[in-house]
Amino acid sequence: MARNKAFEPEERLEKAKCLFWQKGYNATSMQDLVDTMGLNRGSIYDTYGDKHSLFLQCLLSYTEGMFEDYRKVAVETKSPMKAIEKIIRKAAVRTIEEERTCLGVKSTFELASVDEEVHAILKQNTTNLTALLKDLLKKAQKAEEVSSKRDPAMLANFIVSNFTGFWQAYLVYGDGELVQQQADFLIKSIKK
């Protein structure tokens, strides 16, 4: 008969995610995970697998949660352009409030070029977000909120690329106002 876990796996996964987010994958040791998650190594291995498997679960949880936030905005907002604006502003606010580099961006520079599984998760997340924005941009064109002369695919990629720019600017300057100005400029550049 299987034994019930004496801990909540999702709660402990969240703790591991925060640790990886803070330190990065390579700087996080198994002992760091044991200490942070409050579990012994055996429980971690039995529940999540090795460090790499645990990291993949954390990264997937992070990217899916972020995408779901953006998808929800798209569904709940009537005007497609307003939805795009809200998503851009949400990305800017998230940058400032989290006060650390996005786990996806951090993982991109640390691991995506050397780890196929991390690369696949990040690529899928970017593809999903780009597709969501492209769809909104097409709807905004039909509603005459965005010029029909603009390429929705290129604009969607441009928006997603700028999200990384928000994180970089905030990391370097620590200036929330600058990030807000970048968001405003991005929104204006889409409407032209």
Protein backbone atom coordinates (compact mmCIF):
# COMPACT_ATOMS: atom_id res chain seq x y z
CA MET A 1 0.00 0.00 0.00
CA ALA A 2 1.37 3.43 -0.96
CA ARG A 3 2.13 5.81 1.84
CA ASN A 4 0.60 9.31 1.83
CA LYS A 5 3.10 12.12 1.65
CA ALA A 6 3.56 14.04 4.88
CA PHE A 7 4.07 17.26 2.90
CA GLU A 8 2.36 19.17 0.11
CA PRO A 9 4.43 18.57 -3.08
CA GLU A 10 3.26 21.80 -4.81
CA GLU A 11 4.18 23.90 -1.78
CA ARG A 12 7.69 22.42 -1.68
CA LEU A 13 8.03 22.81 -5.44
CA GLU A 14 7.29 26.53 -4.98
CA LYS A 15 10.12 26.76 -2.43
CA ALA A 16 12.53 25.07 -4.83
CA LYS A 17 11.38 27.39 -7.64
CA CYS A 18 12.14 30.46 -5.52
CA LEU A 19 15.58 29.10 -4.68
CA PHE A 20 16.45 28.36 -8.33
CA TRP A 21 15.08 31.78 -9.23
CA GLN A 22 17.31 33.46 -6.67
CA LYS A 23 20.54 31.50 -7.21
CA GLY A 24 20.22 30.00 -10.66
CA TYR A 25 20.51 26.33 -11.50
CA ASN A 26 24.28 25.90 -11.33
CA ALA A 27 24.73 27.76 -8.05
CA THR A 28 22.00 25.76 -6.30
CA SER A 29 23.31 22.65 -4.57
CA MET A 30 21.34 19.63 -3.51
CA GLN A 31 22.01 20.66 0.09
CA ASP A 32 20.51 24.09 -0.64
CA LEU A 33 17.38 22.32 -1.88
CA VAL A 34 17.25 20.06 1.20
CA ASP A 35 17.54 23.09 3.49
CA THR A 36 15.06 25.26 1.59
CA MET A 37 12.44 22.61 0.91
CA GLY A 38 12.69 21.15 4.41
CA LEU A 39 12.90 17.63 2.97
CA ASN A 40 15.56 14.97 3.06
CA ARG A 41 17.29 13.94 -0.14
CA GLY A 42 15.33 10.71 -0.37
CA SER A 43 12.00 12.54 -0.29
CA ILE A 44 13.18 14.96 -2.96
CA TYR A 45 14.39 12.17 -5.23
CA ASP A 46 11.26 10.07 -4.66
CA THR A 47 8.89 12.96 -5.35
CA TYR A 48 10.66 15.10 -7.94
CA GLY A 49 13.60 13.09 -9.24
CA ASP A 50 17.11 14.49 -9.38
CA LYS A 51 18.07 18.18 -9.27
CA HIS A 52 17.67 18.58 -13.01
CA SER A 53 14.19 17.01 -13.03
CA LEU A 54 13.18 19.22 -10.11
CA PHE A 55 14.47 22.29 -11.94
CA LEU A 56 12.52 21.37 -15.09
CA GLN A 57 9.34 21.06 -13.01
CA CYS A 58 10.02 24.46 -11.43
CA LEU A 59 10.70 26.11 -14.79
CA LEU A 60 7.60 24.57 -16.32
CA SER A 61 5.49 25.71 -13.35
CA TYR A 62 6.89 29.23 -13.70
CA THR A 63 6.38 29.54 -17.46
CA GLU A 64 2.91 28.00 -17.40
CA GLY A 65 1.84 30.29 -14.55
CA MET A 66 3.11 33.39 -16.32
CA PHE A 67 1.46 32.42 -19.61
CA GLU A 68 -1.81 31.67 -17.83
CA ASP A 69 -1.76 35.20 -16.33
CA TYR A 70 -1.37 36.70 -19.81
CA ARG A 71 -3.97 34.37 -21.37
CA LYS A 72 -6.46 35.35 -18.69
CA VAL A 73 -5.97 39.04 -19.49
CA ALA A 74 -6.57 38.32 -23.18
CA VAL A 75 -9.79 36.43 -22.46
CA GLU A 76 -11.19 38.92 -19.95
CA THR A 77 -10.54 42.12 -21.96
CA LYS A 78 -12.98 43.10 -24.70
CA SER A 79 -10.73 45.32 -26.79
CA PRO A 80 -7.81 43.38 -28.31
CA MET A 81 -5.54 46.44 -28.16
CA LYS A 82 -6.47 47.03 -24.52
CA ALA A 83 -5.60 43.38 -23.83
CA ILE A 84 -2.19 43.88 -25.46
CA GLU A 85 -1.65 47.03 -23.41
CA LYS A 86 -2.60 45.20 -20.20
CA ILE A 87 -0.23 42.34 -21.01
CA ILE A 88 2.64 44.77 -21.67
CA ARG A 89 1.91 46.69 -18.47
CA LYS A 90 1.63 43.40 -16.54
CA ALA A 91 5.09 42.41 -17.80
CA ALA A 92 6.49 45.79 -16.75
CA VAL A 93 4.88 45.66 -13.31
CA ARG A 94 6.01 42.06 -12.82
CA THR A 95 9.57 43.15 -13.63
CA ILE A 96 9.49 45.88 -10.99
CA GLU A 97 7.61 43.96 -8.30
CA GLU A 98 9.64 40.77 -8.52
CA GLU A 99 12.88 42.76 -8.24
CA ARG A 100 14.83 39.96 -9.88
CA THR A 101 15.35 38.68 -13.36
CA CYS A 102 12.56 36.55 -14.78
CA LEU A 103 13.28 32.86 -14.15
CA GLY A 104 12.73 32.22 -17.86
CA VAL A 105 15.21 34.92 -18.90
CA LYS A 106 17.71 33.80 -16.27
CA SER A 107 17.42 30.21 -17.46
CA THR A 108 17.73 31.28 -21.09
CA PHE A 109 21.14 32.79 -20.52
CA GLU A 110 22.34 30.18 -18.04
CA LEU A 111 21.12 26.95 -19.64
CA ALA A 112 19.16 27.19 -22.90
CA SER A 113 22.22 26.92 -25.13
CA VAL A 114 23.50 23.78 -23.35
CA ASP A 115 20.36 22.01 -22.09
CA GLU A 116 17.88 20.76 -24.67
CA GLU A 117 15.06 20.22 -22.16
CA VAL A 118 15.35 23.74 -20.75
CA HIS A 119 15.55 25.10 -24.30
CA ALA A 120 12.38 23.20 -25.25
CA ILE A 121 10.40 24.59 -22.29
CA LEU A 122 11.53 28.15 -22.97
CA LYS A 123 10.92 27.85 -26.70
CA GLN A 124 7.40 26.53 -26.11
CA ASN A 125 6.67 29.36 -23.66
CA THR A 126 7.90 31.98 -26.13
CA THR A 127 5.94 30.35 -28.95
CA ASN A 128 2.76 30.34 -26.85
CA LEU A 129 3.12 33.97 -25.81
CA THR A 130 3.97 35.09 -29.33
CA ALA A 131 0.93 33.22 -30.71
CA LEU A 132 -1.34 34.81 -28.09
CA LEU A 133 -0.11 38.29 -28.98
CA LYS A 134 -0.25 37.61 -32.72
CA ASP A 135 -3.88 36.54 -32.38
CA LEU A 136 -4.69 39.68 -30.37
CA LEU A 137 -2.91 41.85 -32.94
CA LYS A 138 -4.93 40.31 -35.79
CA LYS A 139 -8.11 41.00 -33.85
CA ALA A 140 -6.92 44.55 -33.15
CA GLN A 141 -6.38 45.04 -36.89
CA LYS A 142 -9.92 43.83 -37.64
CA ALA A 143 -11.21 46.24 -34.99
CA GLU A 144 -9.09 49.00 -36.62
CA GLU A 145 -7.12 49.49 -33.39
CA VAL A 146 -3.83 48.66 -35.14
CA SER A 147 -2.87 49.49 -38.71
CA SER A 148 -3.58 46.68 -41.16
CA LYS A 149 -0.22 47.47 -42.78
CA ARG A 150 1.63 46.10 -39.74
CA ASP A 151 2.80 42.47 -39.66
CA PRO A 152 1.17 40.82 -36.60
CA ALA A 153 3.83 38.08 -36.37
CA MET A 154 6.69 40.61 -36.37
CA LEU A 155 4.89 42.86 -33.86
CA ALA A 156 4.25 39.89 -31.55
CA ASN A 157 7.93 38.92 -31.66
CA PHE A 158 8.89 42.54 -31.08
CA ILE A 159 6.70 42.73 -27.97
CA VAL A 160 8.07 39.51 -26.50
CA SER A 161 11.66 40.64 -27.17
CA ASN A 162 10.95 43.87 -25.35
CA PHE A 163 9.84 41.96 -22.24
CA THR A 164 13.41 40.70 -21.94
CA GLY A 165 14.54 44.30 -22.34
CA PHE A 166 12.40 45.29 -19.34
CA TRP A 167 14.25 42.77 -17.16
CA GLN A 168 17.65 43.82 -18.46
CA ALA A 169 17.00 47.53 -17.89
CA TYR A 170 15.65 46.93 -14.40
CA LEU A 171 18.53 44.63 -13.47
CA VAL A 172 21.12 47.17 -14.65
CA TYR A 173 19.49 50.41 -13.47
CA GLY A 174 16.97 49.37 -10.82
CA ASP A 175 14.72 52.09 -12.20
CA GLY A 176 11.02 51.20 -12.24
CA GLU A 177 10.14 54.48 -13.92
CA LEU A 178 12.42 53.60 -16.85
CA VAL A 179 10.66 50.26 -17.25
CA GLN A 180 7.26 52.00 -17.22
CA GLN A 181 8.51 54.44 -19.86
CA GLN A 182 9.71 51.53 -21.99
CA ALA A 183 6.26 49.94 -21.70
CA ASP A 184 4.58 53.22 -22.72
CA PHE A 185 6.90 53.58 -25.71
CA LEU A 186 6.29 49.97 -26.75
CA ILE A 187 2.52 50.47 -26.67
CA LYS A 188 2.79 53.67 -28.73
CA SER A 189 5.03 51.98 -31.29
CA ILE A 190 2.46 49.22 -31.84
CA LYS A 191 -0.38 51.64 -32.53
CA LYS A 192 1.45 53.50 -35.32
